[in-house]
C-alpha atoms as a PDB file:
ATOM      1  CA  MET A   1      42.006 174.717 110.460  1.00  0.00           C
ATOM      2  CA  LYS A   2      43.059 171.556 112.270  1.00  0.00           C
ATOM      3  CA  SER A   3      42.521 173.310 115.593  1.00  0.00           C
ATOM      4  CA  ILE A   4      38.954 174.291 114.642  1.00  0.00           C
ATOM      5  CA  PHE A   5      38.234 170.724 113.476  1.00  0.00           C
ATOM      6  CA  LYS A   6      39.560 169.262 116.722  1.00  0.00           C
ATOM      7  CA  SER A   7      37.486 171.696 118.754  1.00  0.00           C
ATOM      8  CA  LEU A   8      34.376 170.747 116.794  1.00  0.00           C
ATOM      9  CA  LEU A   9      35.012 167.041 117.399  1.00  0.00           C
ATOM     10  CA  ALA A  10      35.465 167.735 121.101  1.00  0.00           C
ATOM     11  CA  VAL A  11      32.119 169.550 121.267  1.00  0.00           C
ATOM     12  CA  ILE A  12      30.360 166.699 119.432  1.00  0.00           C
ATOM     13  CA  PHE A  13      31.972 164.140 121.744  1.00  0.00           C
ATOM     14  CA  LEU A  14      30.901 166.011 124.855  1.00  0.00           C
ATOM     15  CA  PHE A  15      27.348 166.340 123.506  1.00  0.00           C
ATOM     16  CA  LEU A  16      27.101 162.625 122.769  1.00  0.00           C
ATOM     17  CA  LEU A  17      28.548 161.810 126.183  1.00  0.00           C
ATOM     18  CA  ALA A  18      25.990 164.042 127.894  1.00  0.00           C
ATOM     19  CA  VAL A  19      23.130 162.417 125.974  1.00  0.00           C
ATOM     20  CA  SER A  20      24.327 158.881 126.754  1.00  0.00           C
ATOM     21  CA  CYS A  21      24.751 159.681 130.433  1.00  0.00           C
ATOM     22  CA  ARG A  22      21.333 161.279 130.781  1.00  0.00           C
ATOM     23  CA  GLU A  23      19.111 159.121 132.947  1.00  0.00           C
ATOM     24  CA  GLU A  24      16.422 157.353 130.969  1.00  0.00           C
ATOM     25  CA  ILE A  25      12.924 158.187 132.151  1.00  0.00           C
ATOM     26  CA  ILE A  26      10.896 155.028 132.686  1.00  0.00           C
ATOM     27  CA  ASN A  27       7.117 155.320 132.757  1.00  0.00           C
ATOM     28  CA  TYR A  28       5.192 152.487 134.398  1.00  0.00           C
ATOM     29  CA  SER A  29       1.763 151.294 133.324  1.00  0.00           C
ATOM     30  CA  GLY A  30      -0.291 148.217 134.033  1.00  0.00           C
ATOM     31  CA  PHE A  31      -3.550 146.351 133.711  1.00  0.00           C
ATOM     32  CA  ASP A  32      -5.233 143.228 134.991  1.00  0.00           C
ATOM     33  CA  GLY A  33      -7.895 140.828 133.822  1.00  0.00           C
ATOM     34  CA  PHE A  34      -9.335 137.335 133.959  1.00  0.00           C
ATOM     35  CA  VAL A  35      -7.958 134.313 132.091  1.00  0.00           C
ATOM     36  CA  GLN A  36      -7.628 130.534 132.483  1.00  0.00           C
ATOM     37  CA  GLY A  37     -10.165 130.565 135.306  1.00  0.00           C
ATOM     38  CA  THR A  38      -8.007 132.952 137.328  1.00  0.00           C
ATOM     39  CA  THR A  39      -6.756 136.536 137.376  1.00  0.00           C
ATOM     40  CA  TYR A  40      -3.715 138.075 135.782  1.00  0.00           C
ATOM     41  CA  ARG A  41      -1.755 141.286 136.348  1.00  0.00           C
ATOM     42  CA  ILE A  42       0.874 142.956 134.213  1.00  0.00           C
ATOM     43  CA  VAL A  43       3.009 145.964 135.128  1.00  0.00           C
ATOM     44  CA  TYR A  44       5.587 147.265 132.685  1.00  0.00           C
ATOM     45  CA  GLY A  45       8.001 150.161 132.525  1.00  0.00           C
ATOM     46  CA  SER A  46       9.404 151.640 129.351  1.00  0.00           C
ATOM     47  CA  ALA A  47      10.810 154.851 127.951  1.00  0.00           C
ATOM     48  CA  SER A  48       8.462 154.321 124.991  1.00  0.00           C
ATOM     49  CA  ASP A  49       4.804 155.256 125.208  1.00  0.00           C
ATOM     50  CA  PHE A  50       2.728 152.088 124.733  1.00  0.00           C
ATOM     51  CA  ASP A  51      -1.058 152.369 124.591  1.00  0.00           C
ATOM     52  CA  VAL A  52      -2.408 150.379 127.556  1.00  0.00           C
ATOM     53  CA  GLU A  53      -5.566 149.210 125.789  1.00  0.00           C
ATOM     54  CA  GLU A  54      -3.620 148.047 122.754  1.00  0.00           C
ATOM     55  CA  MET A  55      -1.145 146.267 125.026  1.00  0.00           C
ATOM     56  CA  GLN A  56      -3.927 144.479 126.902  1.00  0.00           C
ATOM     57  CA  THR A  57      -5.521 143.390 123.634  1.00  0.00           C
ATOM     58  CA  LEU A  58      -2.194 141.930 122.482  1.00  0.00           C
ATOM     59  CA  VAL A  59      -1.797 140.049 125.758  1.00  0.00           C
ATOM     60  CA  GLN A  60      -5.351 138.704 125.792  1.00  0.00           C
ATOM     61  CA  ASN A  61      -5.080 137.529 122.186  1.00  0.00           C
ATOM     62  CA  ARG A  62      -1.818 135.734 122.969  1.00  0.00           C
ATOM     63  CA  LEU A  63      -3.351 134.083 126.041  1.00  0.00           C
ATOM     64  CA  ARG A  64      -6.386 133.073 124.012  1.00  0.00           C
ATOM     65  CA  ASP A  65      -4.140 131.349 121.476  1.00  0.00           C
ATOM     66  CA  PHE A  66      -2.343 129.671 124.363  1.00  0.00           C
ATOM     67  CA  ASP A  67      -5.612 128.390 125.860  1.00  0.00           C
ATOM     68  CA  MET A  68      -6.660 126.949 122.515  1.00  0.00           C
ATOM     69  CA  SER A  69      -3.543 124.837 122.698  1.00  0.00           C
ATOM     70  CA  LEU A  70      -3.177 123.668 126.295  1.00  0.00           C
ATOM     71  CA  SER A  71      -6.413 124.270 128.198  1.00  0.00           C
ATOM     72  CA  LEU A  72      -8.402 121.318 129.524  1.00  0.00           C
ATOM     73  CA  TYR A  73     -11.365 123.672 129.852  1.00  0.00           C
ATOM     74  CA  GLU A  74     -11.566 124.362 126.099  1.00  0.00           C
ATOM     75  CA  ASP A  75     -13.284 121.474 124.300  1.00  0.00           C
ATOM     76  CA  SER A  76     -11.665 122.407 121.001  1.00  0.00           C
ATOM     77  CA  SER A  77      -8.138 122.956 122.324  1.00  0.00           C
ATOM     78  CA  VAL A  78      -5.260 120.932 120.893  1.00  0.00           C
ATOM     79  CA  LEU A  79      -4.887 119.172 124.248  1.00  0.00           C
ATOM     80  CA  SER A  80      -8.577 118.267 124.564  1.00  0.00           C
ATOM     81  CA  LYS A  81      -8.629 116.792 121.064  1.00  0.00           C
ATOM     82  CA  ILE A  82      -5.495 114.766 121.767  1.00  0.00           C
ATOM     83  CA  ASN A  83      -6.959 113.441 125.011  1.00  0.00           C
ATOM     84  CA  ARG A  84     -10.101 112.353 123.129  1.00  0.00           C
ATOM     85  CA  ASN A  85      -7.971 110.928 120.291  1.00  0.00           C
ATOM     86  CA  GLU A  86      -9.851 113.094 117.794  1.00  0.00           C
ATOM     87  CA  SER A  87      -6.595 114.535 116.546  1.00  0.00           C
ATOM     88  CA  LEU A  88      -3.044 113.804 117.623  1.00  0.00           C
ATOM     89  CA  LYS A  89      -1.493 116.814 115.875  1.00  0.00           C
ATOM     90  CA  THR A  90       0.467 119.210 118.096  1.00  0.00           C
ATOM     91  CA  ASP A  91       1.256 122.923 117.793  1.00  0.00           C
ATOM     92  CA  LYS A  92       4.163 125.064 119.005  1.00  0.00           C
ATOM     93  CA  TYR A  93       2.787 125.607 122.517  1.00  0.00           C
ATOM     94  CA  PHE A  94       1.955 121.942 123.015  1.00  0.00           C
ATOM     95  CA  THR A  95       5.332 120.809 121.696  1.00  0.00           C
ATOM     96  CA  GLU A  96       7.270 123.195 123.953  1.00  0.00           C
ATOM     97  CA  ALA A  97       5.178 122.315 127.026  1.00  0.00           C
ATOM     98  CA  PHE A  98       5.719 118.626 126.300  1.00  0.00           C
ATOM     99  CA  LYS A  99       9.491 119.143 126.011  1.00  0.00           C
ATOM    100  CA  ILE A 100       9.675 121.072 129.288  1.00  0.00           C
ATOM    101  CA  SER A 101       7.496 118.476 131.022  1.00  0.00           C
ATOM    102  CA  LYS A 102       9.668 115.594 129.858  1.00  0.00           C
ATOM    103  CA  GLU A 103      12.774 117.299 131.234  1.00  0.00           C
ATOM    104  CA  LEU A 104      11.050 117.878 134.583  1.00  0.00           C
ATOM    105  CA  TRP A 105       9.810 114.284 134.694  1.00  0.00           C
ATOM    106  CA  ALA A 106      13.365 112.992 134.240  1.00  0.00           C
ATOM    107  CA  MET A 107      14.839 115.478 136.717  1.00  0.00           C
ATOM    108  CA  THR A 108      12.287 114.646 139.446  1.00  0.00           C
ATOM    109  CA  GLU A 109      12.402 110.894 138.769  1.00  0.00           C
ATOM    110  CA  GLY A 110       8.692 110.739 138.027  1.00  0.00           C
ATOM    111  CA  ALA A 111       7.342 113.023 140.762  1.00  0.00           C
ATOM    112  CA  PHE A 112       6.272 115.382 137.971  1.00  0.00           C
ATOM    113  CA  ASP A 113       4.268 113.600 135.285  1.00  0.00           C
ATOM    114  CA  ILE A 114       1.718 115.083 132.850  1.00  0.00           C
ATOM    115  CA  THR A 115       0.157 111.646 132.239  1.00  0.00           C
ATOM    116  CA  VAL A 116      -1.391 111.830 135.716  1.00  0.00           C
ATOM    117  CA  GLY A 117      -4.664 112.979 134.090  1.00  0.00           C
ATOM    118  CA  PRO A 118      -6.707 109.756 134.602  1.00  0.00           C
ATOM    119  CA  LEU A 119      -5.824 109.731 138.312  1.00  0.00           C
ATOM    120  CA  VAL A 120      -6.694 113.415 138.734  1.00  0.00           C
ATOM    121  CA  LYS A 121     -10.080 112.792 137.137  1.00  0.00           C
ATOM    122  CA  ALA A 122     -10.788 109.653 139.171  1.00  0.00           C
ATOM    123  CA  TRP A 123     -10.040 111.450 142.436  1.00  0.00           C
ATOM    124  CA  GLY A 124     -12.549 114.180 141.570  1.00  0.00           C
ATOM    125  CA  PHE A 125     -10.456 117.061 140.250  1.00  0.00           C
ATOM    126  CA  GLY A 126     -10.328 118.828 136.887  1.00  0.00           C
ATOM    127  CA  PRO A 127     -12.985 119.952 134.389  1.00  0.00           C
ATOM    128  CA  ASP A 128     -14.482 116.497 133.754  1.00  0.00           C
ATOM    129  CA  ALA A 129     -13.989 115.035 137.230  1.00  0.00           C
ATOM    130  CA  ILE A 130     -16.109 112.032 138.175  1.00  0.00           C
ATOM    131  CA  GLN A 131     -14.739 111.174 141.654  1.00  0.00           C
ATOM    132  CA  ASN A 132     -15.084 107.455 141.091  1.00  0.00           C
ATOM    133  CA  TYR A 133     -11.760 106.242 142.464  1.00  0.00           C
ATOM    134  CA  ARG A 134     -11.853 102.687 143.811  1.00  0.00           C
ATOM    135  CA  GLU A 135      -8.932 100.817 145.286  1.00  0.00           C
ATOM    136  CA  SER A 136      -9.699  97.968 142.901  1.00  0.00           C
ATOM    137  CA  SER A 137      -9.125 100.315 139.943  1.00  0.00           C
ATOM    138  CA  ARG A 138      -5.735 101.606 141.115  1.00  0.00           C
ATOM    139  CA  ASP A 139      -3.635  99.151 139.098  1.00  0.00           C
ATOM    140  CA  SER A 140      -5.619  99.728 135.901  1.00  0.00           C
ATOM    141  CA  LEU A 141      -5.246 103.501 136.322  1.00  0.00           C
ATOM    142  CA  LEU A 142      -1.517 103.279 136.973  1.00  0.00           C
ATOM    143  CA  ALA A 143      -1.216 101.149 133.836  1.00  0.00           C
ATOM    144  CA  ILE A 144      -2.026 104.233 131.728  1.00  0.00           C
ATOM    145  CA  VAL A 145       0.137 106.644 133.745  1.00  0.00           C
ATOM    146  CA  GLY A 146       3.801 107.198 132.995  1.00  0.00           C
ATOM    147  CA  PHE A 147       5.634 109.630 130.721  1.00  0.00           C
ATOM    148  CA  GLY A 148       7.507 106.776 129.078  1.00  0.00           C
ATOM    149  CA  LYS A 149       4.244 105.693 127.458  1.00  0.00           C
ATOM    150  CA  VAL A 150       3.821 108.819 125.324  1.00  0.00           C
ATOM    151  CA  SER A 151       6.013 110.671 122.823  1.00  0.00           C
ATOM    152  CA  ILE A 152       5.906 113.117 119.911  1.00  0.00           C
ATOM    153  CA  ARG A 153       7.011 112.117 116.433  1.00  0.00           C
ATOM    154  CA  ASP A 154       6.680 114.184 113.256  1.00  0.00           C
ATOM    155  CA  GLY A 155       4.338 116.653 114.944  1.00  0.00           C
ATOM    156  CA  SER A 156       1.944 114.031 116.322  1.00  0.00           C
ATOM    157  CA  VAL A 157       1.475 112.445 119.745  1.00  0.00           C
ATOM    158  CA  LEU A 158       2.062 108.712 120.024  1.00  0.00           C
ATOM    159  CA  LYS A 159       0.366 106.855 122.887  1.00  0.00           C
ATOM    160  CA  SER A 160       1.037 103.296 123.968  1.00  0.00           C
ATOM    161  CA  ASP A 161      -2.622 103.155 125.040  1.00  0.00           C
ATOM    162  CA  PRO A 162      -5.445 105.357 123.664  1.00  0.00           C
ATOM    163  CA  ARG A 163      -6.810 105.825 127.204  1.00  0.00           C
ATOM    164  CA  ILE A 164      -3.753 107.887 128.157  1.00  0.00           C
ATOM    165  CA  SER A 165      -4.636 111.532 128.736  1.00  0.00           C
ATOM    166  CA  LEU A 166      -2.368 114.456 129.465  1.00  0.00           C
ATOM    167  CA  ASP A 167      -2.716 117.228 132.030  1.00  0.00           C
ATOM    168  CA  PHE A 168      -0.415 120.262 131.718  1.00  0.00           C
ATOM    169  CA  ASN A 169      -1.994 122.126 134.651  1.00  0.00           C
ATOM    170  CA  ALA A 170       1.163 121.827 136.744  1.00  0.00           C
ATOM    171  CA  VAL A 171       3.239 123.650 134.141  1.00  0.00           C
ATOM    172  CA  ALA A 172       0.846 125.487 131.784  1.00  0.00           C
ATOM    173  CA  GLN A 173       0.153 128.492 134.000  1.00  0.00           C
ATOM    174  CA  GLY A 174       3.840 129.129 134.493  1.00  0.00           C
ATOM    175  CA  TYR A 175       4.456 128.575 130.802  1.00  0.00           C
ATOM    176  CA  SER A 176       1.758 131.128 129.922  1.00  0.00           C
ATOM    177  CA  VAL A 177       3.695 133.661 132.022  1.00  0.00           C
ATOM    178  CA  ASP A 178       6.812 132.913 129.967  1.00  0.00           C
ATOM    179  CA  VAL A 179       4.836 133.351 126.740  1.00  0.00           C
ATOM    180  CA  ILE A 180       3.712 136.851 127.759  1.00  0.00           C
ATOM    181  CA  CYS A 181       7.235 137.725 128.883  1.00  0.00           C
ATOM    182  CA  SER A 182       8.499 136.757 125.425  1.00  0.00           C
ATOM    183  CA  LEU A 183       5.902 139.101 123.942  1.00  0.00           C
ATOM    184  CA  LEU A 184       7.115 141.986 126.119  1.00  0.00           C
ATOM    185  CA  ASP A 185      10.730 141.154 125.308  1.00  0.00           C
ATOM    186  CA  SER A 186       9.936 141.362 121.592  1.00  0.00           C
ATOM    187  CA  MET A 187       8.695 144.922 122.205  1.00  0.00           C
ATOM    188  CA  ASP A 188      11.991 145.816 123.912  1.00  0.00           C
ATOM    189  CA  ILE A 189      10.311 146.346 127.302  1.00  0.00           C
ATOM    190  CA  ARG A 190      13.078 145.963 129.863  1.00  0.00           C
ATOM    191  CA  HIS A 191      11.145 146.314 133.120  1.00  0.00           C
ATOM    192  CA  TYR A 192       8.040 144.264 133.849  1.00  0.00           C
ATOM    193  CA  LEU A 193       6.095 141.987 136.155  1.00  0.00           C
ATOM    194  CA  VAL A 194       3.832 139.317 134.691  1.00  0.00           C
ATOM    195  CA  GLU A 195       1.601 137.440 137.145  1.00  0.00           C
ATOM    196  CA  ILE A 196      -0.998 134.832 136.196  1.00  0.00           C
ATOM    197  CA  GLY A 197      -2.798 132.978 138.962  1.00  0.00           C
ATOM    198  CA  GLY A 198       0.009 133.675 141.418  1.00  0.00           C
ATOM    199  CA  GLU A 199       2.838 132.535 139.147  1.00  0.00           C
ATOM    200  CA  VAL A 200       5.230 135.426 138.524  1.00  0.00           C
ATOM    201  CA  ARG A 201       8.148 136.433 136.355  1.00  0.00           C
ATOM    202  CA  VAL A 202       9.921 139.769 136.528  1.00  0.00           C
ATOM    203  CA  LYS A 203      12.531 141.611 134.543  1.00  0.00           C
ATOM    204  CA  GLY A 204      14.539 144.680 135.458  1.00  0.00           C
ATOM    205  CA  MET A 205      13.340 146.760 138.382  1.00  0.00           C
ATOM    206  CA  ARG A 206      10.445 148.854 139.648  1.00  0.00           C
ATOM    207  CA  ASP A 207      11.406 152.450 140.463  1.00  0.00           C
ATOM    208  CA  ASN A 208      15.066 151.409 140.818  1.00  0.00           C
ATOM    209  CA  ARG A 209      14.177 148.705 143.345  1.00  0.00           C
ATOM    210  CA  GLN A 210      13.785 144.971 142.993  1.00  0.00           C
ATOM    211  CA  TRP A 211      10.248 143.680 142.613  1.00  0.00           C
ATOM    212  CA  ARG A 212       8.673 142.553 145.898  1.00  0.00           C
ATOM    213  CA  ILE A 213       6.627 139.349 145.729  1.00  0.00           C
ATOM    214  CA  GLY A 214       4.389 138.196 148.582  1.00  0.00           C
ATOM    215  CA  ILE A 215       4.116 134.531 149.555  1.00  0.00           C
ATOM    216  CA  ASP A 216       0.725 133.579 150.995  1.00  0.00           C
ATOM    217  CA  ARG A 217       0.389 131.801 154.308  1.00  0.00           C
ATOM    218  CA  PRO A 218      -0.731 128.228 153.506  1.00  0.00           C
ATOM    219  CA  VAL A 219      -3.867 127.980 155.621  1.00  0.00           C
ATOM    220  CA  ASP A 220      -6.982 126.201 154.392  1.00  0.00           C
ATOM    221  CA  ASN A 221      -9.373 128.357 152.366  1.00  0.00           C
ATOM    222  CA  ASN A 222      -6.917 131.250 152.043  1.00  0.00           C
ATOM    223  CA  LEU A 223      -8.613 132.047 148.756  1.00  0.00           C
ATOM    224  CA  PHE A 224      -7.498 135.618 148.149  1.00  0.00           C
ATOM    225  CA  PRO A 225      -3.809 136.097 147.312  1.00  0.00           C
ATOM    226  CA  GLY A 226      -2.134 138.856 149.285  1.00  0.00           C
ATOM    227  CA  GLU A 227      -4.565 138.928 152.214  1.00  0.00           C
ATOM    228  CA  ASP A 228      -2.417 136.813 154.565  1.00  0.00           C
ATOM    229  CA  ILE A 229       1.292 137.069 153.732  1.00  0.00           C
ATOM    230  CA  GLN A 230       3.842 134.619 155.113  1.00  0.00           C
ATOM    231  CA  ALA A 231       6.932 136.188 153.520  1.00  0.00           C
ATOM    232  CA  ILE A 232       8.129 138.726 150.962  1.00  0.00           C
ATOM    233  CA  ILE A 233      10.812 137.936 148.388  1.00  0.00           C
ATOM    234  CA  ASN A 234      12.847 140.530 146.480  1.00  0.00           C
ATOM    235  CA  LEU A 235      13.103 139.381 142.887  1.00  0.00           C
ATOM    236  CA  GLN A 236      14.917 140.522 139.752  1.00  0.00           C
ATOM    237  CA  ASP A 237      15.199 138.828 136.336  1.00  0.00           C
ATOM    238  CA  LYS A 238      13.714 135.601 137.709  1.00  0.00           C
ATOM    239  CA  ALA A 239      10.467 133.625 137.844  1.00  0.00           C
ATOM    240  CA  LEU A 240       8.633 132.433 140.947  1.00  0.00           C
ATOM    241  CA  ALA A 241       5.892 129.848 141.392  1.00  0.00           C
ATOM    242  CA  THR A 242       4.164 128.496 144.484  1.00  0.00           C
ATOM    243  CA  SER A 243       2.309 125.225 144.826  1.00  0.00           C
ATOM    244  CA  GLY A 244       0.223 124.202 147.816  1.00  0.00           C
ATOM    245  CA  ASN A 245      -2.730 122.126 148.936  1.00  0.00           C
ATOM    246  CA  TYR A 246      -4.593 124.767 150.910  1.00  0.00           C
ATOM    247  CA  ARG A 247      -6.897 126.041 148.137  1.00  0.00           C
ATOM    248  CA  LYS A 248      -7.853 122.985 146.072  1.00  0.00           C
ATOM    249  CA  PHE A 249      -9.070 120.066 148.138  1.00  0.00           C
ATOM    250  CA  TYR A 250     -12.218 118.416 149.426  1.00  0.00           C
ATOM    251  CA  VAL A 251     -13.146 116.597 152.616  1.00  0.00           C
ATOM    252  CA  LYS A 252     -15.011 113.297 152.496  1.00  0.00           C
ATOM    253  CA  ASP A 253     -15.863 111.172 155.532  1.00  0.00           C
ATOM    254  CA  GLY A 254     -13.549 113.338 157.606  1.00  0.00           C
ATOM    255  CA  VAL A 255     -10.562 112.833 155.274  1.00  0.00           C
ATOM    256  CA  LYS A 256      -8.961 115.708 153.365  1.00  0.00           C
ATOM    257  CA  TYR A 257      -8.119 114.905 149.734  1.00  0.00           C
ATOM    258  CA  SER A 258      -5.569 117.152 148.000  1.00  0.00           C
ATOM    259  CA  HIS A 259      -5.701 118.013 144.300  1.00  0.00           C
ATOM    260  CA  THR A 260      -2.019 117.068 144.009  1.00  0.00           C
ATOM    261  CA  ILE A 261      -1.821 113.417 142.993  1.00  0.00           C
ATOM    262  CA  ASP A 262       1.364 111.374 143.287  1.00  0.00           C
ATOM    263  CA  PRO A 263       1.736 109.728 139.851  1.00  0.00           C
ATOM    264  CA  ARG A 264       4.004 107.104 141.379  1.00  0.00           C
ATOM    265  CA  SER A 265       1.540 105.824 143.980  1.00  0.00           C
ATOM    266  CA  GLY A 266      -1.783 106.906 142.513  1.00  0.00           C
ATOM    267  CA  TYR A 267      -2.897 108.638 145.716  1.00  0.00           C
ATOM    268  CA  PRO A 268      -3.422 112.296 146.680  1.00  0.00           C
ATOM    269  CA  VAL A 269      -0.367 113.527 148.541  1.00  0.00           C
ATOM    270  CA  SER A 270      -0.469 113.613 152.316  1.00  0.00           C
ATOM    271  CA  ASN A 271       2.708 114.893 153.927  1.00  0.00           C
ATOM    272  CA  GLN A 272       4.123 117.679 156.106  1.00  0.00           C
ATOM    273  CA  LEU A 273       4.765 120.050 153.202  1.00  0.00           C
ATOM    274  CA  LEU A 274       2.119 122.789 153.015  1.00  0.00           C
ATOM    275  CA  SER A 275       3.530 124.925 150.208  1.00  0.00           C
ATOM    276  CA  ALA A 276       6.602 125.109 148.008  1.00  0.00           C
ATOM    277  CA  THR A 277       7.863 128.313 146.410  1.00  0.00           C
ATOM    278  CA  ILE A 278      10.470 127.849 143.689  1.00  0.00           C
ATOM    279  CA  ILE A 279      12.572 130.492 141.911  1.00  0.00           C
ATOM    280  CA  ALA A 280      14.004 129.675 138.498  1.00  0.00           C
ATOM    281  CA  ASP A 281      14.890 131.374 135.222  1.00  0.00           C
ATOM    282  CA  GLU A 282      11.627 130.283 133.533  1.00  0.00           C
ATOM    283  CA  CYS A 283       8.220 130.271 135.177  1.00  0.00           C
ATOM    284  CA  ALA A 284       7.183 126.972 133.554  1.00  0.00           C
ATOM    285  CA  VAL A 285      10.131 125.273 135.237  1.00  0.00           C
ATOM    286  CA  ALA A 286       9.451 126.954 138.594  1.00  0.00           C
ATOM    287  CA  ASP A 287       5.796 125.876 138.336  1.00  0.00           C
ATOM    288  CA  GLY A 288       6.645 122.259 137.567  1.00  0.00           C
ATOM    289  CA  ILE A 289       9.316 121.961 140.266  1.00  0.00           C
ATOM    290  CA  ALA A 290       6.975 123.470 142.871  1.00  0.00           C
ATOM    291  CA  THR A 291       4.372 120.814 142.035  1.00  0.00           C
ATOM    292  CA  ALA A 292       6.985 118.069 142.143  1.00  0.00           C
ATOM    293  CA  CYS A 293       8.048 119.249 145.608  1.00  0.00           C
ATOM    294  CA  MET A 294       4.470 118.930 146.846  1.00  0.00           C
ATOM    295  CA  VAL A 295       4.493 115.349 145.576  1.00  0.00           C
ATOM    296  CA  MET A 296       7.897 114.551 147.085  1.00  0.00           C
ATOM    297  CA  GLY A 297       7.242 116.046 150.512  1.00  0.00           C
ATOM    298  CA  LYS A 298       9.588 117.973 152.791  1.00  0.00           C
ATOM    299  CA  ASP A 299      12.589 115.689 153.176  1.00  0.00           C
ATOM    300  CA  GLU A 300      12.736 114.466 149.577  1.00  0.00           C
ATOM    301  CA  SER A 301      12.264 118.046 148.335  1.00  0.00           C
ATOM    302  CA  ILE A 302      15.108 119.382 150.467  1.00  0.00           C
ATOM    303  CA  ALA A 303      17.417 116.631 149.206  1.00  0.00           C
ATOM    304  CA  PHE A 304      16.374 117.422 145.626  1.00  0.00           C
ATOM    305  CA  LEU A 305      16.920 121.174 146.061  1.00  0.00           C
ATOM    306  CA  GLN A 306      20.328 120.654 147.630  1.00  0.00           C
ATOM    307  CA  ARG A 307      21.244 118.616 144.562  1.00  0.00           C
ATOM    308  CA  TYR A 308      19.834 121.087 142.032  1.00  0.00           C
ATOM    309  CA  THR A 309      21.216 124.344 143.388  1.00  0.00           C
ATOM    310  CA  GLU A 310      20.148 126.337 140.315  1.00  0.00           C
ATOM    311  CA  PHE A 311      16.744 126.577 142.010  1.00  0.00           C
ATOM    312  CA  GLU A 312      16.066 128.771 145.026  1.00  0.00           C
ATOM    313  CA  ALA A 313      13.291 127.617 147.324  1.00  0.00           C
ATOM    314  CA  TYR A 314      11.128 128.492 150.291  1.00  0.00           C
ATOM    315  CA  LEU A 315       9.228 125.583 151.849  1.00  0.00           C
ATOM    316  CA  ILE A 316       6.521 125.860 154.489  1.00  0.00           C
ATOM    317  CA  PHE A 317       5.684 122.697 156.427  1.00  0.00           C
ATOM    318  CA  SER A 318       4.067 121.583 159.660  1.00  0.00           C
ATOM    319  CA  ASP A 319       5.950 119.919 162.485  1.00  0.00           C
ATOM    320  CA  GLU A 320       4.723 117.016 164.596  1.00  0.00           C
ATOM    321  CA  ASN A 321       2.695 119.447 166.722  1.00  0.00           C
ATOM    322  CA  GLY A 322       1.033 121.124 163.743  1.00  0.00           C
ATOM    323  CA  ASN A 323       3.100 124.327 163.980  1.00  0.00           C
ATOM    324  CA  PHE A 324       4.339 126.160 160.879  1.00  0.00           C
ATOM    325  CA  ARG A 325       8.006 125.716 160.086  1.00  0.00           C
ATOM    326  CA  THR A 326      10.049 126.906 157.092  1.00  0.00           C
ATOM    327  CA  TRP A 327      13.100 125.892 155.102  1.00  0.00           C
ATOM    328  CA  THR A 328      14.921 128.411 152.906  1.00  0.00           C
ATOM    329  CA  SER A 329      17.655 127.608 150.421  1.00  0.00           C
ATOM    330  CA  GLU A 330      20.936 129.273 151.367  1.00  0.00           C
ATOM    331  CA  SER A 331      21.121 131.596 148.348  1.00  0.00           C
ATOM    332  CA  LEU A 332      17.605 132.937 148.964  1.00  0.00           C
ATOM    333  CA  LYS A 333      18.100 133.964 152.598  1.00  0.00           C
ATOM    334  CA  LYS A 334      19.476 137.396 151.669  1.00  0.00           C
ATOM    335  CA  SER A 335      16.385 138.211 149.578  1.00  0.00           C
ATOM    336  CA  ILE A 336      13.529 137.114 151.827  1.00  0.00           C
ATOM    337  CA  SER A 337      11.828 138.605 154.869  1.00  0.00           C
ATOM    338  CA  GLU A 338       9.322 136.571 156.864  1.00  0.00           C
ATOM    339  CA  SER A 339       6.222 137.908 158.613  1.00  0.00           C
ATOM    340  CA  GLU A 340       5.751 137.331 162.289  1.00  0.00           C
END
């Protein structure tokens, strides 16, 4: 009897072992759309069969909720009301974005600052841009810029001056990627790519290979991502964001004005750095650090990145003769291939 029982246990064990060792079949699906004034793309792989239309509806509803919190282009968003002082009450998205932004502000010593809003508007960028910057108004504008002048207490924003306005554009797009990734994680999806406006976060693999992410060449008016690739990065379980001044700018009286404003000086940035690609664990952080690098410029960015080695980076800059040059953090060199 004992022999029969042992044999039965052995058969059950072998069956369970065979089932556990059987390769899981991953089916990939995807969809794209339009949100936040830009495009988005989601690819996901799972052994479960998720309805694509239902998945897209879930994603769009989540992004709509996100926009109603942090979008400057929604008059009734939490952010818009706070900027107009109609209501100072926050919500979960605003509070988290504020927390992330404060950490980035401290880390970058003010190069990243969400209170830059009045300067952005005065220089002619954003949804309610006026382009009325005057040198005589610089000091009065800088007087209402600075993260130390705003805080959150008991779920409400406190401003040292009611004219202070906030602009999460340098972190919100990346943060929206993280929000959708959290949604996919909650559904136990272990392989995905989430891309919104060029900011990307991936998990797992695609067909047993790392995800391949293209980095655009930073030439003026390169308006269509993927048409002119500078480099390709292999990515797994990380987020990637790129910031540059080659898509959002204007020229006035022969001078090019970038949409990236230095909150420390009050002026649009003008330096050798053409684009900064940052890899981090969260896309909001990668997004914010990439913007801060554009503010800091090549040399300050390299010094920063050598100090904060948890970030991988790929910088494209121009030399004194106007030729493209690149700088790649040491840990990223094994995962990147550059185009000729």
